[in-house]
Protein backbone atom coordinates (compact mmCIF):
# COMPACT_ATOMS: atom_id res chain seq x y z
CA LEU A 1 0.97 4.76 4.25
CA ILE A 2 -0.90 1.57 3.51
CA ALA A 3 0.08 0.24 0.09
CA THR A 4 -2.31 -2.18 -1.58
CA ALA A 5 -0.42 -3.03 -4.78
CA GLN A 6 0.71 -6.56 -5.48
CA PRO A 7 3.78 -7.37 -7.61
CA TRP A 8 2.15 -9.77 -10.07
CA ASP A 9 4.30 -8.88 -13.08
CA ASP A 10 7.55 -7.11 -13.97
CA GLU A 11 5.85 -3.79 -14.69
CA MET A 12 4.13 -3.76 -11.29
CA ARG A 13 7.33 -4.81 -9.50
CA GLN A 14 9.10 -1.86 -11.13
CA ARG A 15 6.30 0.56 -10.21
CA ILE A 16 6.29 -0.61 -6.59
CA ALA A 17 10.08 -0.31 -6.37
CA ARG A 18 9.94 3.21 -7.83
CA HIS A 19 7.28 4.26 -5.34
CA GLN A 20 9.33 2.81 -2.46
CA ARG A 21 12.43 4.73 -3.59
CA ASP A 22 10.46 7.95 -4.02
CA ARG A 23 8.93 7.67 -0.54
CA ALA A 24 12.29 6.86 1.05
CA GLU A 25 13.83 9.91 -0.58
CA ARG A 26 11.00 12.40 -0.02
CA LEU A 27 9.53 11.15 3.26
CA PRO A 28 12.19 9.07 5.01
CA ARG A 29 10.24 8.91 8.30
CA MET A 30 7.00 7.70 6.72
CA ALA A 31 6.08 4.17 7.77
CA THR A 32 4.70 1.91 5.05
CA VAL A 33 2.51 -1.13 5.56
CA GLU A 34 1.96 -3.37 2.54
CA GLU A 35 -1.51 -4.88 2.77
CA PRO A 36 -3.30 -5.88 -0.44
CA LEU A 37 -6.47 -7.36 1.12
CA GLN A 38 -7.02 -6.78 4.86
CA LEU A 39 -7.37 -3.01 4.59
CA ALA A 40 -9.70 -2.46 7.57
CA LYS A 41 -7.39 -4.46 9.82
CA ALA A 42 -4.34 -2.49 8.63
CA ILE A 43 -6.11 0.85 9.15
CA ALA A 44 -7.16 -0.17 12.66
CA ALA A 45 -3.62 -1.29 13.51
CA CYS A 46 -2.09 2.00 12.31
CA SER A 47 -4.72 4.44 13.56
CA THR A 48 -4.09 6.79 16.44
CA PRO A 49 -5.43 10.30 17.03
CA GLN A 50 -1.99 11.68 16.09
CA THR A 51 -1.49 9.60 12.94
CA LEU A 52 -2.50 10.40 9.38
CA VAL A 53 -3.17 7.17 7.49
CA VAL A 54 -3.02 7.31 3.69
CA VAL A 55 -4.22 4.39 1.56
CA ASP A 56 -2.58 3.90 -1.83
CA CYS A 57 -4.63 2.74 -3.69
CA LEU A 58 -8.32 1.96 -3.14
CA THR A 59 -8.80 0.99 -6.78
CA LEU A 60 -6.06 -1.65 -6.57
CA TRP A 61 -7.45 -2.90 -3.24
CA LEU A 62 -10.92 -3.32 -4.76
CA THR A 63 -9.41 -5.11 -7.78
CA ASN A 64 -7.51 -7.43 -5.40
CA LEU A 65 -10.81 -8.37 -3.73
CA LEU A 66 -12.94 -8.73 -6.85
CA MET A 67 -10.40 -10.31 -9.19
CA PRO A 68 -7.96 -12.43 -7.16
CA ALA A 69 -4.95 -13.63 -9.14
CA HIS A 70 -5.19 -17.19 -7.82
């Protein structure tokens, strides 16, 4: 899983933590890469013919690119 969220405020920090707990409980063997901007690079680094790569979330990734916080 490639996670694109960034913890800019308390609400987002809580959401990210909840997602991390849920994944650890439901899919303990799933690897997670946190990459808010360099999505193509992260996909290339994780991709193999035997690996399913899931991006969560393209909307947040696009927002990160178009509306940087700093």
